[in-house]
Protein backbone atom coordinates (compact mmCIF):
# COMPACT_ATOMS: atom_id res chain seq x y z
CA MET A 1 -53.40 -20.93 79.19
CA LYS A 2 -50.21 -22.99 78.39
CA PRO A 3 -51.83 -25.23 75.71
CA LEU A 4 -52.85 -22.10 73.82
CA ILE A 5 -49.18 -21.00 73.68
CA LEU A 6 -47.78 -24.40 72.52
CA ILE A 7 -50.08 -24.72 69.50
CA PRO A 8 -48.46 -21.87 67.40
CA ILE A 9 -44.96 -23.12 68.20
CA LEU A 10 -45.79 -26.65 67.06
CA SER A 11 -47.32 -25.23 63.86
CA LEU A 12 -44.10 -23.36 63.05
CA LEU A 13 -42.03 -26.50 63.52
CA VAL A 14 -44.26 -28.43 61.14
CA LEU A 15 -44.10 -25.69 58.47
CA THR A 16 -40.34 -25.49 58.73
CA ALA A 17 -39.99 -29.23 58.28
CA CYS A 18 -42.10 -29.06 55.09
CA GLY A 19 -40.01 -26.21 53.45
CA PRO A 20 -37.77 -26.60 50.32
CA ALA A 21 -34.60 -28.67 50.66
CA THR A 22 -31.15 -27.03 50.43
CA PRO A 23 -28.54 -28.14 47.81
CA GLU A 24 -26.58 -29.89 50.56
CA GLU A 25 -29.68 -31.87 51.60
CA THR A 26 -30.53 -32.89 48.01
CA GLY A 27 -26.94 -33.73 47.09
CA GLU A 28 -26.91 -31.25 44.15
CA VAL A 29 -23.71 -29.18 43.57
CA GLU A 30 -23.75 -25.70 41.94
CA TYR A 31 -20.90 -25.09 39.47
CA ARG A 32 -19.66 -21.79 38.13
CA LEU A 33 -21.13 -21.01 34.68
CA VAL A 34 -18.53 -20.17 31.99
CA LYS A 35 -18.31 -19.75 28.23
CA THR A 36 -15.56 -21.32 26.17
CA GLU A 37 -14.00 -20.99 22.75
CA THR A 38 -11.98 -23.52 20.83
CA VAL A 39 -8.37 -22.66 20.04
CA ARG A 40 -8.06 -21.95 16.34
CA THR A 41 -5.08 -22.21 14.02
CA GLY A 42 -3.88 -19.15 12.11
CA PRO A 43 -0.86 -17.73 10.26
CA ALA A 44 2.51 -17.69 11.99
CA ALA A 45 3.05 -13.95 11.45
CA SER A 46 0.85 -10.89 11.60
CA LEU A 47 0.01 -8.90 8.48
CA ILE A 48 2.15 -5.82 7.90
CA GLU A 49 -0.35 -2.96 7.95
CA VAL A 50 0.85 0.41 6.71
CA SER A 51 -0.65 3.64 5.37
CA GLY A 52 -0.16 4.58 1.73
CA VAL A 53 -1.25 6.71 -1.23
CA GLY A 54 -2.94 5.49 -4.40
CA ALA A 55 -1.48 6.45 -7.78
CA PHE A 56 -1.08 5.33 -11.35
CA ARG A 57 2.08 3.28 -11.60
CA ASP A 58 3.45 5.60 -14.30
CA GLU A 59 2.77 9.29 -13.76
CA THR A 60 4.76 11.48 -16.14
CA LYS A 61 5.41 15.22 -16.04
CA LEU A 62 5.32 16.47 -19.62
CA SER A 63 7.26 19.57 -20.69
CA PHE A 64 8.74 21.34 -23.70
CA LYS A 65 12.45 20.91 -24.49
CA VAL A 66 12.71 24.57 -25.49
CA SER A 67 11.47 27.76 -23.92
CA GLY A 68 8.76 29.88 -25.49
CA ILE A 69 5.17 31.10 -25.31
CA ILE A 70 2.43 28.48 -24.96
CA GLU A 71 0.15 28.77 -27.96
CA ARG A 72 -2.45 26.23 -26.88
CA ILE A 73 -3.21 23.47 -24.38
CA ASN A 74 -5.82 21.11 -25.76
CA VAL A 75 -6.81 19.22 -22.60
CA ARG A 76 -8.15 19.86 -19.12
CA GLU A 77 -7.65 18.02 -15.85
CA GLY A 78 -9.55 14.74 -15.71
CA GLU A 79 -9.78 14.27 -19.48
CA ASN A 80 -8.86 10.91 -20.98
CA VAL A 81 -6.25 11.01 -23.75
CA GLN A 82 -5.08 8.54 -26.37
CA LYS A 83 -1.52 7.62 -27.28
CA GLY A 84 -0.12 10.07 -29.87
CA GLN A 85 -2.73 12.75 -29.16
CA ARG A 86 -1.40 16.36 -29.34
CA LEU A 87 -1.82 17.88 -25.91
CA ALA A 88 -0.06 21.27 -26.08
CA ALA A 89 2.12 23.40 -28.37
CA LEU A 90 4.38 26.45 -28.24
CA ASN A 91 4.31 29.42 -30.57
CA LYS A 92 6.88 28.23 -33.13
CA GLN A 93 8.04 31.60 -34.39
CA ASP A 94 11.26 31.51 -32.38
CA VAL A 95 11.73 27.79 -32.98
CA ASN A 96 11.27 28.11 -36.73
CA ALA A 97 13.70 31.00 -36.80
CA ALA A 98 16.27 28.82 -35.04
CA VAL A 99 15.71 26.06 -37.60
CA SER A 100 16.13 28.52 -40.47
CA GLN A 101 19.34 29.89 -38.96
CA ALA A 102 20.78 26.41 -38.41
CA SER A 103 19.80 25.36 -41.93
CA ALA A 104 21.54 28.41 -43.45
CA GLY A 105 24.64 27.69 -41.40
CA PHE A 106 24.69 24.10 -42.54
CA GLU A 107 24.34 25.08 -46.22
CA LYS A 108 27.21 27.57 -45.92
CA ALA A 109 29.43 24.95 -44.25
CA GLN A 110 28.67 22.51 -47.07
CA ARG A 111 29.58 25.08 -49.73
CA ASP A 112 32.82 25.90 -47.90
CA LEU A 113 33.68 22.22 -47.73
CA VAL A 114 33.09 21.67 -51.46
CA ARG A 115 35.21 24.70 -52.32
CA GLY A 116 37.89 23.56 -49.89
CA ARG A 117 38.17 20.15 -51.48
CA THR A 118 38.67 21.78 -54.89
CA LEU A 119 41.35 24.08 -53.51
CA ARG A 120 43.06 21.16 -51.80
CA GLU A 121 43.25 19.28 -55.12
CA GLN A 122 44.93 22.39 -56.54
CA GLU A 123 47.19 22.44 -53.47
CA VAL A 124 46.04 25.96 -52.66
CA ILE A 125 45.14 25.07 -49.02
CA SER A 126 46.72 22.63 -46.63
CA LYS A 127 45.36 19.32 -45.36
CA VAL A 128 44.79 20.92 -41.94
CA GLN A 129 42.62 23.66 -43.43
CA LEU A 130 40.50 21.07 -45.27
CA ASP A 131 40.09 19.08 -42.05
CA ASN A 132 38.85 22.22 -40.30
CA LEU A 133 36.26 22.78 -43.01
CA GLU A 134 35.03 19.18 -42.63
CA THR A 135 34.74 19.63 -38.86
CA ALA A 136 32.78 22.86 -39.32
CA ALA A 137 30.37 21.08 -41.69
CA GLN A 138 29.80 18.31 -39.14
CA ALA A 139 29.13 20.86 -36.39
CA ALA A 140 26.65 22.70 -38.60
CA ARG A 141 24.86 19.42 -39.38
CA ALA A 142 24.56 18.70 -35.63
CA GLN A 143 23.18 22.19 -34.94
CA LEU A 144 20.56 21.74 -37.65
CA SER A 145 19.56 18.36 -36.28
CA GLN A 146 19.25 19.83 -32.79
CA ALA A 147 17.11 22.72 -34.03
CA GLN A 148 14.84 20.36 -35.95
CA PHE A 149 14.43 18.15 -32.88
CA ALA A 150 13.64 21.22 -30.77
CA SER A 151 10.99 22.15 -33.32
CA GLN A 152 9.39 18.74 -32.84
CA THR A 153 9.48 19.05 -29.03
CA ALA A 154 7.66 22.37 -29.20
CA GLU A 155 4.62 20.09 -29.15
CA ILE A 156 3.62 17.68 -26.39
CA GLN A 157 2.07 14.35 -27.33
CA ALA A 158 0.63 11.62 -25.11
CA GLN A 159 3.02 8.70 -24.85
CA ALA A 160 0.30 6.29 -23.72
CA ASN A 161 -3.42 6.06 -23.08
CA GLY A 162 -4.13 7.87 -19.84
CA VAL A 163 -5.76 10.68 -17.96
CA VAL A 164 -4.67 14.26 -17.30
CA LEU A 165 -3.99 14.48 -13.57
CA LYS A 166 -2.71 18.05 -13.36
CA ARG A 167 -2.35 21.12 -15.57
CA PHE A 168 0.44 23.43 -14.45
CA ALA A 169 0.23 26.21 -17.05
CA GLN A 170 -2.16 28.14 -19.29
CA ALA A 171 -2.06 29.33 -22.90
CA GLY A 172 -0.12 32.59 -23.31
CA GLU A 173 2.35 31.89 -20.50
CA VAL A 174 6.09 32.09 -21.12
CA VAL A 175 7.71 28.84 -20.00
CA SER A 176 11.28 27.69 -19.78
CA ALA A 177 12.73 24.48 -21.18
CA GLY A 178 11.84 21.51 -18.98
CA GLN A 179 9.15 23.34 -16.99
CA PRO A 180 6.26 20.91 -16.25
CA ILE A 181 3.12 21.66 -18.25
CA LEU A 182 0.95 18.56 -17.70
CA LEU A 183 0.95 15.53 -15.39
CA LEU A 184 -0.29 12.44 -17.19
CA GLY A 185 -1.26 9.14 -15.54
CA SER A 186 -0.90 6.08 -17.74
CA LYS A 187 -3.93 3.79 -17.51
CA THR A 188 -2.06 0.95 -19.19
CA SER A 189 0.51 0.90 -16.37
CA GLY A 190 -2.08 -0.03 -13.74
CA PHE A 191 -3.05 1.46 -10.37
CA VAL A 192 -0.86 1.03 -7.30
CA MET A 193 -0.56 2.02 -3.67
CA LYS A 194 2.74 3.58 -2.65
CA VAL A 195 3.79 2.71 0.90
CA SER A 196 6.91 3.20 3.01
CA LEU A 197 8.16 0.47 5.33
CA ALA A 198 10.50 0.60 8.30
CA ASP A 199 13.55 -1.66 8.05
CA LYS A 200 12.10 -4.20 10.50
CA GLN A 201 9.07 -4.50 8.19
CA ALA A 202 10.88 -4.39 4.85
CA VAL A 203 13.13 -7.37 5.68
CA HIS A 204 10.03 -9.58 5.91
CA VAL A 205 8.52 -8.52 2.55
CA GLN A 206 9.26 -10.28 -0.73
CA MET A 207 8.44 -9.52 -4.35
CA GLY A 208 5.08 -10.98 -5.30
CA ALA A 209 3.80 -11.02 -1.71
CA THR A 210 0.00 -11.03 -1.45
CA ALA A 211 -1.63 -7.86 -0.11
CA GLU A 212 -5.01 -6.26 0.48
CA VAL A 213 -5.72 -2.56 -0.11
CA GLU A 214 -8.47 -0.33 1.24
CA PHE A 215 -9.01 3.43 0.82
CA ASP A 216 -10.40 5.79 3.47
CA ALA A 217 -12.84 7.27 0.95
CA LEU A 218 -14.28 3.82 0.20
CA PRO A 219 -14.65 2.04 3.55
CA GLY A 220 -15.34 -1.66 3.32
CA VAL A 221 -14.28 -1.89 -0.34
CA LYS A 222 -11.13 -4.00 -0.60
CA TRP A 223 -8.83 -4.78 -3.51
CA PRO A 224 -6.56 -7.82 -3.78
CA GLY A 225 -3.00 -6.85 -4.63
CA LYS A 226 0.61 -7.94 -4.70
CA VAL A 227 4.02 -6.35 -4.21
CA ILE A 228 5.56 -5.45 -7.59
CA GLU A 229 8.39 -3.15 -6.50
CA LEU A 230 10.53 -3.25 -3.36
CA SER A 231 13.29 -0.70 -2.78
CA GLN A 232 16.65 -2.15 -1.77
CA ALA A 233 17.97 1.14 -0.39
CA ALA A 234 16.49 3.42 2.25
CA ASP A 235 15.27 6.91 1.42
CA PRO A 236 17.98 9.25 2.77
CA ALA A 237 15.36 11.71 4.03
CA THR A 238 13.03 9.30 5.84
CA GLY A 239 15.05 6.13 6.35
CA THR A 240 12.16 4.05 4.97
CA TYR A 241 11.92 1.62 2.06
CA GLY A 242 9.49 2.28 -0.77
CA VAL A 243 7.08 -0.45 -1.86
CA LEU A 244 4.55 -0.53 -4.69
CA VAL A 245 1.46 -2.70 -4.27
CA ALA A 246 -0.40 -3.30 -7.55
CA LEU A 247 -4.19 -3.41 -7.24
CA GLN A 248 -6.37 -5.93 -9.03
CA THR A 249 -8.63 -3.17 -10.36
CA ASP A 250 -11.08 -5.54 -12.05
CA ALA A 251 -12.24 -6.58 -8.57
CA HIS A 252 -14.34 -3.40 -8.57
CA GLU A 253 -14.52 -2.22 -12.16
CA ASN A 254 -17.19 0.41 -11.52
CA VAL A 255 -15.25 2.19 -8.77
CA ASN A 256 -13.34 5.30 -9.83
CA LEU A 257 -9.83 5.32 -8.34
CA LEU A 258 -8.16 8.72 -8.06
CA SER A 259 -4.46 9.43 -7.78
CA GLY A 260 -3.64 10.70 -4.29
CA MET A 261 -6.32 8.74 -2.39
CA GLN A 262 -5.25 7.86 1.16
CA GLY A 263 -5.59 4.32 2.44
CA ARG A 264 -3.97 1.26 3.97
CA ALA A 265 -2.27 -1.86 2.68
CA ARG A 266 -2.02 -5.16 4.54
CA ILE A 267 0.93 -7.17 3.27
CA GLU A 268 1.63 -10.82 4.01
CA PRO A 269 5.18 -11.28 5.37
CA ALA A 270 7.56 -13.96 4.12
CA ASN A 271 6.74 -16.45 6.92
CA PHE A 272 2.98 -15.93 6.73
CA SER A 273 2.38 -19.51 5.56
CA GLY A 274 3.37 -21.00 8.95
CA LYS A 275 0.82 -21.80 11.67
CA ARG A 276 0.18 -20.64 15.25
CA SER A 277 -2.46 -21.18 17.91
CA TYR A 278 -4.90 -18.28 18.37
CA VAL A 279 -7.05 -17.60 21.47
CA PRO A 280 -9.46 -14.74 22.25
CA ILE A 281 -7.91 -11.91 24.22
CA GLU A 282 -10.77 -12.18 26.77
CA ALA A 283 -9.40 -15.56 27.83
CA VAL A 284 -6.33 -13.99 29.46
CA VAL A 285 -6.68 -13.67 33.24
CA GLU A 286 -3.21 -12.28 33.83
CA GLY A 287 -0.29 -11.15 31.72
CA ASP A 288 3.36 -10.18 32.08
CA ASN A 289 5.37 -8.89 29.10
CA ASN A 290 5.05 -11.68 26.51
CA SER A 291 3.62 -14.21 28.96
CA ALA A 292 -0.06 -14.79 29.73
CA TRP A 293 -2.16 -17.11 31.87
CA LEU A 294 -5.47 -18.64 30.90
CA PHE A 295 -7.74 -21.54 31.81
CA THR A 296 -8.22 -24.57 29.61
CA VAL A 297 -11.21 -26.86 30.08
CA GLN A 298 -10.47 -30.58 30.53
CA ASP A 299 -12.65 -33.49 29.43
CA ASP A 300 -14.17 -33.77 32.93
CA ASN A 301 -15.09 -30.03 32.89
CA THR A 302 -12.37 -29.09 35.35
CA VAL A 303 -10.24 -26.09 34.49
CA LYS A 304 -6.46 -25.96 34.34
CA ARG A 305 -4.50 -22.74 34.77
CA GLN A 306 -1.93 -22.67 31.99
CA ALA A 307 0.91 -20.30 31.10
CA VAL A 308 1.46 -19.45 27.43
CA GLN A 309 3.88 -17.26 25.48
CA VAL A 310 2.37 -14.53 23.26
CA ALA A 311 3.84 -13.89 19.80
CA PHE A 312 1.67 -10.91 18.81
CA ILE A 313 -1.84 -9.47 19.03
CA ASN A 314 -4.06 -9.59 15.97
CA GLY A 315 -7.28 -7.65 16.58
CA ASN A 316 -9.13 -9.38 19.41
CA GLN A 317 -7.02 -12.52 19.13
CA LEU A 318 -3.69 -13.51 20.70
CA ALA A 319 -1.25 -15.42 18.52
CA LEU A 320 0.73 -17.76 20.75
CA GLN A 321 4.30 -18.95 20.57
CA THR A 322 3.09 -21.86 22.67
CA THR A 323 1.28 -24.43 20.55
CA LEU A 324 -1.94 -25.74 22.08
CA PRO A 325 -3.42 -29.07 20.94
CA GLU A 326 -6.10 -28.87 18.28
CA GLY A 327 -9.56 -28.75 19.82
CA THR A 328 -8.42 -27.28 23.13
CA ARG A 329 -11.14 -25.24 24.84
CA VAL A 330 -10.27 -22.07 26.74
CA VAL A 331 -12.52 -20.14 29.10
CA SER A 332 -13.49 -16.90 27.37
CA THR A 333 -16.11 -15.60 29.84
CA GLY A 334 -15.96 -16.05 33.62
CA ALA A 335 -12.25 -16.88 33.84
CA ALA A 336 -11.43 -14.10 36.30
CA TYR A 337 -13.06 -15.90 39.26
CA LEU A 338 -11.85 -19.45 38.65
CA GLN A 339 -9.44 -21.54 40.69
CA ASP A 340 -7.09 -24.14 39.25
CA GLY A 341 -8.80 -27.55 39.24
CA GLU A 342 -12.29 -26.14 39.78
CA THR A 343 -15.22 -27.88 38.07
CA VAL A 344 -17.32 -25.60 35.84
CA LYS A 345 -20.52 -25.74 33.88
CA VAL A 346 -20.07 -24.75 30.23
CA GLN A 347 -22.80 -22.57 28.81
CA GLU A 348 -23.70 -23.61 25.27
């Protein structure tokens, strides 16, 4: 019976001896698989990104210099107008009456002055009385000139080629002097984005700085621009500094830009031309305030744990204060489980 028992045991030993070899037996070593990215060079400062509102650079509220009843308004909102075009007019009955009254007063003052000079030659009146007549004639001339000018300003004309942005009144309304009637945007002045910067942003912006503008209503459509106005005093109400970014509108000639559109401007700061090292944010295995730790891959595929100083975050990239040599590879995937000095296998 014993030989029958030994045969299966011997068979198992033979099968075991013929099984696959382990890595230790074959001498092969398994390395941790990682992905790497090469450190890239980028600008020394981050773009200043701020919200803003699009507008024509020159937007003018047009009004009458005198009060009266609006006789007609010749344009509607959205209409294009040409320089010199008559846009609105008052009923001139009151204005013409004022001109007639001032003209009559001026004529009377002139007659009094002529008579006074004759009487002065005859020594009937004194020099003081003649001087008073001359002063009265000058005052009457000024009143006539003012009335005539008011008659001219009873009409509103376009001062430049543009578009009617807003109409504040209707024909037949009684309006006071200086009350806005129309808001006109000048097309010749260009289109801008108005933004407000905090003081820590404004000190890094210079006239002529390059910018990029995008509107919420037109996602993905971007306009090159530059800073053309930079306030040197803070707004008392908000404490911010106003900036105008002029758009290069011919970049998208077929796109209709509307005053009041919301969007964002990205402005290059004064030290934007400098250079920094950039690494992917996934490469960071640990961070503390402005410090971070990551793994760099050496020529022999060993990894080195390295501390770096972070300047700022730009999207999914870290801009470093620490400069890394050009061509340095950092572990972007699989870094969390590595040990300093460990050999890795880089996945292509």
